């Protein structure tokens, strides 16, 4: 079906350029949302999808194992990277290690990896060998975070492992799998014509989450009442079963 445009193209482009900033700022960032809103035609605001990529590489497994990665050896870690305590970089590293050392919640499996070898080996140990790795994909770089969900969304199942890239001088991923979580591949069309294949997850059981979790504050619901969904940030990866 074709929709006729009654405004001339130059006029429309001029209007859009002049008002693009206002349009973006007037639409709240899509952080957490209900599963019913993961549907074709839905407008989403995803600044985390268009953010600059973190290109920090993995260290070789042998080298990664030779460098401590624990709170108890933090002074040694700072010395290795020639960093001083009380600096912003040191605080970021300390926070990442703390996140990796937290206790898993009920129904969650989690681990952190510091090398490509451990990333693959531990993922296979968790999900089995018949798996594939998914990532967010953009057809081009863009500064406009507004997208519309297009047709063709795919349900990739509940046998998943979501791996978040953490801030650290070398590549560190926190990987975790939460019971009753479904991964979706979501085709998006940007307001500036950018196409994307984004990853979203829906958590169907949030009963073990802290009542203070940001999702409950945003959506005004209580733990364990309704499925809660969110898109994955640009550098987040997802293992799923084939």
C-alpha atoms as a PDB file:
ATOM      1  CA  UNK A   1       0.000   0.000   0.000  1.00  0.00           C
ATOM      2  CA  UNK A   2       1.302   3.426  -0.942  1.00  0.00           C
ATOM      3  CA  UNK A   3       0.650   6.531   1.102  1.00  0.00           C
ATOM      4  CA  UNK A   4       0.484   9.787  -0.815  1.00  0.00           C
ATOM      5  CA  UNK A   5       2.531  12.657   0.566  1.00  0.00           C
ATOM      6  CA  UNK A   6       0.921  16.032   0.061  1.00  0.00           C
ATOM      7  CA  UNK A   7       3.844  18.068   1.376  1.00  0.00           C
ATOM      8  CA  UNK A   8       6.689  18.634  -1.057  1.00  0.00           C
ATOM      9  CA  UNK A   9       9.815  16.638  -0.188  1.00  0.00           C
ATOM     10  CA  UNK A  10      12.080  19.683   0.339  1.00  0.00           C
ATOM     11  CA  UNK A  11       9.526  21.184   2.711  1.00  0.00           C
ATOM     12  CA  UNK A  12       9.171  17.930   4.623  1.00  0.00           C
ATOM     13  CA  UNK A  13      12.928  17.511   4.975  1.00  0.00           C
ATOM     14  CA  UNK A  14      13.283  21.101   6.152  1.00  0.00           C
ATOM     15  CA  UNK A  15      10.539  20.583   8.749  1.00  0.00           C
ATOM     16  CA  UNK A  16      12.102  17.330   9.929  1.00  0.00           C
ATOM     17  CA  UNK A  17      15.622  18.767  10.262  1.00  0.00           C
ATOM     18  CA  UNK A  18      14.364  21.789  12.190  1.00  0.00           C
ATOM     19  CA  UNK A  19      12.301  19.674  14.568  1.00  0.00           C
ATOM     20  CA  UNK A  20      14.322  16.449  14.861  1.00  0.00           C
ATOM     21  CA  UNK A  21      15.994  17.486  18.109  1.00  0.00           C
ATOM     22  CA  UNK A  22      12.678  18.434  19.669  1.00  0.00           C
ATOM     23  CA  UNK A  23      11.128  15.130  18.573  1.00  0.00           C
ATOM     24  CA  UNK A  24      13.885  13.047  20.163  1.00  0.00           C
ATOM     25  CA  UNK A  25      13.950  15.015  23.409  1.00  0.00           C
ATOM     26  CA  UNK A  26      10.160  14.770  23.775  1.00  0.00           C
ATOM     27  CA  UNK A  27      10.158  10.960  23.580  1.00  0.00           C
ATOM     28  CA  UNK A  28      11.366   9.134  26.686  1.00  0.00           C
ATOM     29  CA  UNK A  29      14.209   6.646  26.312  1.00  0.00           C
ATOM     30  CA  UNK A  30      12.945   3.084  25.950  1.00  0.00           C
ATOM     31  CA  UNK A  31      14.462   1.364  28.982  1.00  0.00           C
ATOM     32  CA  UNK A  32      12.040  -1.236  30.374  1.00  0.00           C
ATOM     33  CA  UNK A  33       8.649  -1.975  28.830  1.00  0.00           C
ATOM     34  CA  UNK A  34       5.796  -4.501  28.857  1.00  0.00           C
ATOM     35  CA  UNK A  35       5.817  -7.480  26.487  1.00  0.00           C
ATOM     36  CA  UNK A  36       2.646  -6.230  24.767  1.00  0.00           C
ATOM     37  CA  UNK A  37       4.668  -3.234  23.550  1.00  0.00           C
ATOM     38  CA  UNK A  38       7.136  -5.423  21.649  1.00  0.00           C
ATOM     39  CA  UNK A  39       5.123  -5.203  18.437  1.00  0.00           C
ATOM     40  CA  UNK A  40       5.286  -4.019  14.838  1.00  0.00           C
ATOM     41  CA  UNK A  41       4.825  -0.269  14.459  1.00  0.00           C
ATOM     42  CA  UNK A  42       5.903   0.603  17.992  1.00  0.00           C
ATOM     43  CA  UNK A  43       8.194   3.666  18.228  1.00  0.00           C
ATOM     44  CA  UNK A  44      11.255   3.174  20.449  1.00  0.00           C
ATOM     45  CA  UNK A  45      14.019   5.521  21.578  1.00  0.00           C
ATOM     46  CA  UNK A  46      17.292   3.570  21.869  1.00  0.00           C
ATOM     47  CA  UNK A  47      20.367   5.765  22.515  1.00  0.00           C
ATOM     48  CA  UNK A  48      22.252   2.733  23.880  1.00  0.00           C
ATOM     49  CA  UNK A  49      21.880   1.029  20.476  1.00  0.00           C
ATOM     50  CA  UNK A  50      23.630   3.834  18.580  1.00  0.00           C
ATOM     51  CA  UNK A  51      26.326   4.580  21.174  1.00  0.00           C
ATOM     52  CA  UNK A  52      29.988   4.268  20.216  1.00  0.00           C
ATOM     53  CA  UNK A  53      31.279   0.713  20.374  1.00  0.00           C
ATOM     54  CA  UNK A  54      33.728  -0.382  23.050  1.00  0.00           C
ATOM     55  CA  UNK A  55      36.615  -1.812  21.044  1.00  0.00           C
ATOM     56  CA  UNK A  56      38.649  -3.008  24.046  1.00  0.00           C
ATOM     57  CA  UNK A  57      39.943  -6.449  22.949  1.00  0.00           C
ATOM     58  CA  UNK A  58      40.290  -9.704  24.836  1.00  0.00           C
ATOM     59  CA  UNK A  59      43.744 -10.610  26.097  1.00  0.00           C
ATOM     60  CA  UNK A  60      45.122 -14.024  25.098  1.00  0.00           C
ATOM     61  CA  UNK A  61      43.975 -16.655  27.592  1.00  0.00           C
ATOM     62  CA  UNK A  62      47.484 -17.256  28.940  1.00  0.00           C
ATOM     63  CA  UNK A  63      48.016 -13.539  29.579  1.00  0.00           C
ATOM     64  CA  UNK A  64      44.525 -13.024  31.035  1.00  0.00           C
ATOM     65  CA  UNK A  65      45.079 -15.824  33.568  1.00  0.00           C
ATOM     66  CA  UNK A  66      48.349 -14.257  34.691  1.00  0.00           C
ATOM     67  CA  UNK A  67      46.654 -11.002  35.771  1.00  0.00           C
ATOM     68  CA  UNK A  68      44.552 -11.060  38.983  1.00  0.00           C
ATOM     69  CA  UNK A  69      40.866 -10.265  38.741  1.00  0.00           C
ATOM     70  CA  UNK A  70      39.473 -10.053  42.278  1.00  0.00           C
ATOM     71  CA  UNK A  71      38.716  -7.456  44.933  1.00  0.00           C
ATOM     72  CA  UNK A  72      41.224  -9.028  47.301  1.00  0.00           C
ATOM     73  CA  UNK A  73      44.064  -8.300  44.872  1.00  0.00           C
ATOM     74  CA  UNK A  74      42.929  -4.889  43.706  1.00  0.00           C
ATOM     75  CA  UNK A  75      46.182  -3.063  44.660  1.00  0.00           C
ATOM     76  CA  UNK A  76      48.103  -5.570  42.529  1.00  0.00           C
ATOM     77  CA  UNK A  77      45.696  -5.014  39.640  1.00  0.00           C
ATOM     78  CA  UNK A  78      46.130  -1.241  39.807  1.00  0.00           C
ATOM     79  CA  UNK A  79      49.889  -1.665  39.850  1.00  0.00           C
ATOM     80  CA  UNK A  80      49.750  -3.874  36.765  1.00  0.00           C
ATOM     81  CA  UNK A  81      47.815  -1.218  34.811  1.00  0.00           C
ATOM     82  CA  UNK A  82      49.900   1.627  36.306  1.00  0.00           C
ATOM     83  CA  UNK A  83      46.848   3.255  37.866  1.00  0.00           C
ATOM     84  CA  UNK A  84      46.545   5.077  41.166  1.00  0.00           C
ATOM     85  CA  UNK A  85      43.768   4.561  43.743  1.00  0.00           C
ATOM     86  CA  UNK A  86      41.051   7.224  43.993  1.00  0.00           C
ATOM     87  CA  UNK A  87      41.127   7.867  40.244  1.00  0.00           C
ATOM     88  CA  UNK A  88      38.021   7.571  38.060  1.00  0.00           C
ATOM     89  CA  UNK A  89      39.559   4.674  36.137  1.00  0.00           C
ATOM     90  CA  UNK A  90      40.278   2.800  39.379  1.00  0.00           C
ATOM     91  CA  UNK A  91      36.694   3.293  40.581  1.00  0.00           C
ATOM     92  CA  UNK A  92      35.306   1.957  37.298  1.00  0.00           C
ATOM     93  CA  UNK A  93      37.539  -1.130  37.497  1.00  0.00           C
ATOM     94  CA  UNK A  94      36.589  -1.724  41.126  1.00  0.00           C
ATOM     95  CA  UNK A  95      32.897  -1.514  40.234  1.00  0.00           C
ATOM     96  CA  UNK A  96      33.293  -4.012  37.386  1.00  0.00           C
ATOM     97  CA  UNK A  97      35.068  -6.522  39.619  1.00  0.00           C
ATOM     98  CA  UNK A  98      32.374  -6.066  42.269  1.00  0.00           C
ATOM     99  CA  UNK A  99      29.645  -6.755  39.695  1.00  0.00           C
ATOM    100  CA  UNK A 100      31.447  -9.937  38.661  1.00  0.00           C
ATOM    101  CA  UNK A 101      31.744 -11.078  42.283  1.00  0.00           C
ATOM    102  CA  UNK A 102      28.095 -10.560  43.222  1.00  0.00           C
ATOM    103  CA  UNK A 103      25.949 -13.527  44.183  1.00  0.00           C
ATOM    104  CA  UNK A 104      23.593 -14.871  41.549  1.00  0.00           C
ATOM    105  CA  UNK A 105      19.905 -14.318  42.240  1.00  0.00           C
ATOM    106  CA  UNK A 106      17.478 -17.225  42.431  1.00  0.00           C
ATOM    107  CA  UNK A 107      17.074 -18.827  38.976  1.00  0.00           C
ATOM    108  CA  UNK A 108      20.208 -17.192  37.543  1.00  0.00           C
ATOM    109  CA  UNK A 109      23.499 -18.639  36.307  1.00  0.00           C
ATOM    110  CA  UNK A 110      26.321 -16.125  35.915  1.00  0.00           C
ATOM    111  CA  UNK A 111      30.052 -15.792  35.323  1.00  0.00           C
ATOM    112  CA  UNK A 112      32.558 -13.238  34.028  1.00  0.00           C
ATOM    113  CA  UNK A 113      35.099 -13.957  31.298  1.00  0.00           C
ATOM    114  CA  UNK A 114      38.365 -12.178  30.525  1.00  0.00           C
ATOM    115  CA  UNK A 115      39.508 -14.061  27.407  1.00  0.00           C
ATOM    116  CA  UNK A 116      37.947 -15.292  24.176  1.00  0.00           C
ATOM    117  CA  UNK A 117      38.779 -18.892  25.110  1.00  0.00           C
ATOM    118  CA  UNK A 118      36.932 -18.682  28.425  1.00  0.00           C
ATOM    119  CA  UNK A 119      34.062 -16.823  26.735  1.00  0.00           C
ATOM    120  CA  UNK A 120      33.512 -19.736  24.358  1.00  0.00           C
ATOM    121  CA  UNK A 121      34.314 -22.589  26.756  1.00  0.00           C
ATOM    122  CA  UNK A 122      32.088 -21.419  29.616  1.00  0.00           C
ATOM    123  CA  UNK A 123      29.231 -20.600  27.241  1.00  0.00           C
ATOM    124  CA  UNK A 124      29.363 -24.117  25.790  1.00  0.00           C
ATOM    125  CA  UNK A 125      29.532 -25.569  29.306  1.00  0.00           C
ATOM    126  CA  UNK A 126      26.364 -23.626  30.173  1.00  0.00           C
ATOM    127  CA  UNK A 127      24.257 -24.118  27.024  1.00  0.00           C
ATOM    128  CA  UNK A 128      25.849 -27.004  25.125  1.00  0.00           C
ATOM    129  CA  UNK A 129      27.652 -27.070  21.784  1.00  0.00           C
ATOM    130  CA  UNK A 130      24.693 -26.439  19.460  1.00  0.00           C
ATOM    131  CA  UNK A 131      24.538 -22.675  19.960  1.00  0.00           C
ATOM    132  CA  UNK A 132      24.925 -19.446  17.986  1.00  0.00           C
ATOM    133  CA  UNK A 133      26.118 -15.993  18.975  1.00  0.00           C
ATOM    134  CA  UNK A 134      23.872 -12.995  18.248  1.00  0.00           C
ATOM    135  CA  UNK A 135      24.735  -9.305  18.233  1.00  0.00           C
ATOM    136  CA  UNK A 136      23.057  -5.986  17.515  1.00  0.00           C
ATOM    137  CA  UNK A 137      23.576  -4.825  13.934  1.00  0.00           C
ATOM    138  CA  UNK A 138      23.191  -1.400  12.318  1.00  0.00           C
ATOM    139  CA  UNK A 139      23.227  -0.763   8.578  1.00  0.00           C
ATOM    140  CA  UNK A 140      25.143   2.475   9.206  1.00  0.00           C
ATOM    141  CA  UNK A 141      26.240   4.754  12.008  1.00  0.00           C
ATOM    142  CA  UNK A 142      23.557   7.205  13.078  1.00  0.00           C
ATOM    143  CA  UNK A 143      22.948   9.921  15.647  1.00  0.00           C
ATOM    144  CA  UNK A 144      19.180   9.454  15.686  1.00  0.00           C
ATOM    145  CA  UNK A 145      17.977   6.982  18.351  1.00  0.00           C
ATOM    146  CA  UNK A 146      14.361   6.861  17.153  1.00  0.00           C
ATOM    147  CA  UNK A 147      13.325   3.579  15.522  1.00  0.00           C
ATOM    148  CA  UNK A 148      10.091   1.835  14.620  1.00  0.00           C
ATOM    149  CA  UNK A 149       9.745  -1.911  15.120  1.00  0.00           C
ATOM    150  CA  UNK A 150       9.387  -3.491  11.657  1.00  0.00           C
ATOM    151  CA  UNK A 151       7.890  -6.787  10.547  1.00  0.00           C
ATOM    152  CA  UNK A 152       9.790 -10.039  10.927  1.00  0.00           C
ATOM    153  CA  UNK A 153      10.541 -10.279  14.650  1.00  0.00           C
ATOM    154  CA  UNK A 154      11.967 -13.684  15.621  1.00  0.00           C
ATOM    155  CA  UNK A 155      11.561 -15.578  18.889  1.00  0.00           C
ATOM    156  CA  UNK A 156      14.993 -17.148  19.562  1.00  0.00           C
ATOM    157  CA  UNK A 157      13.842 -19.194  22.559  1.00  0.00           C
ATOM    158  CA  UNK A 158      14.556 -19.349  26.270  1.00  0.00           C
ATOM    159  CA  UNK A 159      17.837 -21.292  26.252  1.00  0.00           C
ATOM    160  CA  UNK A 160      19.956 -18.142  26.406  1.00  0.00           C
ATOM    161  CA  UNK A 161      23.056 -16.561  27.836  1.00  0.00           C
ATOM    162  CA  UNK A 162      23.271 -12.756  27.757  1.00  0.00           C
ATOM    163  CA  UNK A 163      26.799 -11.319  27.872  1.00  0.00           C
ATOM    164  CA  UNK A 164      27.255  -7.663  28.837  1.00  0.00           C
ATOM    165  CA  UNK A 165      30.559  -5.958  28.058  1.00  0.00           C
ATOM    166  CA  UNK A 166      31.845  -4.283  31.200  1.00  0.00           C
ATOM    167  CA  UNK A 167      34.125  -1.250  31.463  1.00  0.00           C
ATOM    168  CA  UNK A 168      37.702  -2.390  32.042  1.00  0.00           C
ATOM    169  CA  UNK A 169      41.177  -1.904  30.475  1.00  0.00           C
ATOM    170  CA  UNK A 170      40.762  -5.277  28.759  1.00  0.00           C
ATOM    171  CA  UNK A 171      37.626  -6.999  27.486  1.00  0.00           C
ATOM    172  CA  UNK A 172      35.461  -8.361  30.299  1.00  0.00           C
ATOM    173  CA  UNK A 173      31.995  -9.797  29.750  1.00  0.00           C
ATOM    174  CA  UNK A 174      29.479 -10.620  32.448  1.00  0.00           C
ATOM    175  CA  UNK A 175      27.377 -13.492  31.121  1.00  0.00           C
ATOM    176  CA  UNK A 176      24.192 -14.631  32.798  1.00  0.00           C
ATOM    177  CA  UNK A 177      21.148 -16.731  32.111  1.00  0.00           C
ATOM    178  CA  UNK A 178      17.883 -16.106  33.966  1.00  0.00           C
ATOM    179  CA  UNK A 179      15.093 -18.663  34.035  1.00  0.00           C
ATOM    180  CA  UNK A 180      12.072 -17.950  31.826  1.00  0.00           C
ATOM    181  CA  UNK A 181      13.826 -15.321  29.715  1.00  0.00           C
ATOM    182  CA  UNK A 182      13.126 -15.166  25.970  1.00  0.00           C
ATOM    183  CA  UNK A 183      15.462 -13.582  23.412  1.00  0.00           C
ATOM    184  CA  UNK A 184      14.054 -11.788  20.368  1.00  0.00           C
ATOM    185  CA  UNK A 185      15.669 -10.558  17.155  1.00  0.00           C
ATOM    186  CA  UNK A 186      13.855  -7.331  16.379  1.00  0.00           C
ATOM    187  CA  UNK A 187      14.082  -5.588  12.986  1.00  0.00           C
ATOM    188  CA  UNK A 188      14.040  -1.802  13.320  1.00  0.00           C
ATOM    189  CA  UNK A 189      13.722   1.083  10.884  1.00  0.00           C
ATOM    190  CA  UNK A 190      15.219   4.400  11.932  1.00  0.00           C
ATOM    191  CA  UNK A 191      13.641   7.781  11.303  1.00  0.00           C
ATOM    192  CA  UNK A 192      16.661   8.629   9.116  1.00  0.00           C
ATOM    193  CA  UNK A 193      16.408   5.374   7.138  1.00  0.00           C
ATOM    194  CA  UNK A 194      18.901   3.382   9.213  1.00  0.00           C
ATOM    195  CA  UNK A 195      18.030  -0.301   9.413  1.00  0.00           C
ATOM    196  CA  UNK A 196      18.898  -2.376  12.444  1.00  0.00           C
ATOM    197  CA  UNK A 197      18.557  -5.869  13.816  1.00  0.00           C
ATOM    198  CA  UNK A 198      18.346  -5.389  17.549  1.00  0.00           C
ATOM    199  CA  UNK A 199      18.242  -7.850  20.420  1.00  0.00           C
ATOM    200  CA  UNK A 200      15.559  -7.671  23.090  1.00  0.00           C
ATOM    201  CA  UNK A 201      14.786  -9.931  26.026  1.00  0.00           C
ATOM    202  CA  UNK A 202      11.612 -10.494  28.018  1.00  0.00           C
ATOM    203  CA  UNK A 203      11.839 -11.784  31.593  1.00  0.00           C
ATOM    204  CA  UNK A 204       8.684 -13.713  32.374  1.00  0.00           C
ATOM    205  CA  UNK A 205       9.518 -14.311  36.053  1.00  0.00           C
ATOM    206  CA  UNK A 206      10.795 -11.335  38.050  1.00  0.00           C
ATOM    207  CA  UNK A 207       9.785 -12.658  41.474  1.00  0.00           C
ATOM    208  CA  UNK A 208      13.452 -12.931  42.604  1.00  0.00           C
ATOM    209  CA  UNK A 209      14.333  -9.357  41.606  1.00  0.00           C
ATOM    210  CA  UNK A 210      14.831  -6.670  44.216  1.00  0.00           C
ATOM    211  CA  UNK A 211      11.684  -4.557  44.746  1.00  0.00           C
ATOM    212  CA  UNK A 212      14.003  -1.548  44.311  1.00  0.00           C
ATOM    213  CA  UNK A 213      14.944  -2.592  40.767  1.00  0.00           C
ATOM    214  CA  UNK A 214      14.695   0.285  38.303  1.00  0.00           C
ATOM    215  CA  UNK A 215      12.241  -1.657  36.127  1.00  0.00           C
ATOM    216  CA  UNK A 216       9.577  -1.615  38.846  1.00  0.00           C
ATOM    217  CA  UNK A 217      10.058   2.095  39.456  1.00  0.00           C
ATOM    218  CA  UNK A 218       9.641   2.874  35.742  1.00  0.00           C
ATOM    219  CA  UNK A 219       6.702   0.567  35.030  1.00  0.00           C
ATOM    220  CA  UNK A 220       4.959   0.978  38.404  1.00  0.00           C
ATOM    221  CA  UNK A 221       4.543  -2.771  38.960  1.00  0.00           C
ATOM    222  CA  UNK A 222       5.670  -5.246  41.615  1.00  0.00           C
ATOM    223  CA  UNK A 223       8.100  -8.196  41.309  1.00  0.00           C
ATOM    224  CA  UNK A 224       6.631 -11.339  39.769  1.00  0.00           C
ATOM    225  CA  UNK A 225       3.456  -9.721  38.431  1.00  0.00           C
ATOM    226  CA  UNK A 226       4.038  -9.236  34.676  1.00  0.00           C
ATOM    227  CA  UNK A 227       6.774  -9.982  32.107  1.00  0.00           C
ATOM    228  CA  UNK A 228       9.297  -7.165  31.760  1.00  0.00           C
ATOM    229  CA  UNK A 229      11.275  -6.539  28.565  1.00  0.00           C
ATOM    230  CA  UNK A 230      14.249  -4.441  27.493  1.00  0.00           C
ATOM    231  CA  UNK A 231      16.518  -4.022  24.481  1.00  0.00           C
ATOM    232  CA  UNK A 232      20.176  -4.966  24.810  1.00  0.00           C
ATOM    233  CA  UNK A 233      22.892  -2.309  24.568  1.00  0.00           C
ATOM    234  CA  UNK A 234      25.024  -2.117  21.437  1.00  0.00           C
ATOM    235  CA  UNK A 235      27.972  -4.194  22.695  1.00  0.00           C
ATOM    236  CA  UNK A 236      25.888  -6.815  24.505  1.00  0.00           C
ATOM    237  CA  UNK A 237      25.980 -10.300  22.978  1.00  0.00           C
ATOM    238  CA  UNK A 238      23.563 -13.217  23.273  1.00  0.00           C
ATOM    239  CA  UNK A 239      24.204 -16.945  22.966  1.00  0.00           C
ATOM    240  CA  UNK A 240      21.099 -18.977  22.049  1.00  0.00           C
ATOM    241  CA  UNK A 241      20.470 -22.591  21.128  1.00  0.00           C
ATOM    242  CA  UNK A 242      20.064 -23.444  17.454  1.00  0.00           C
END
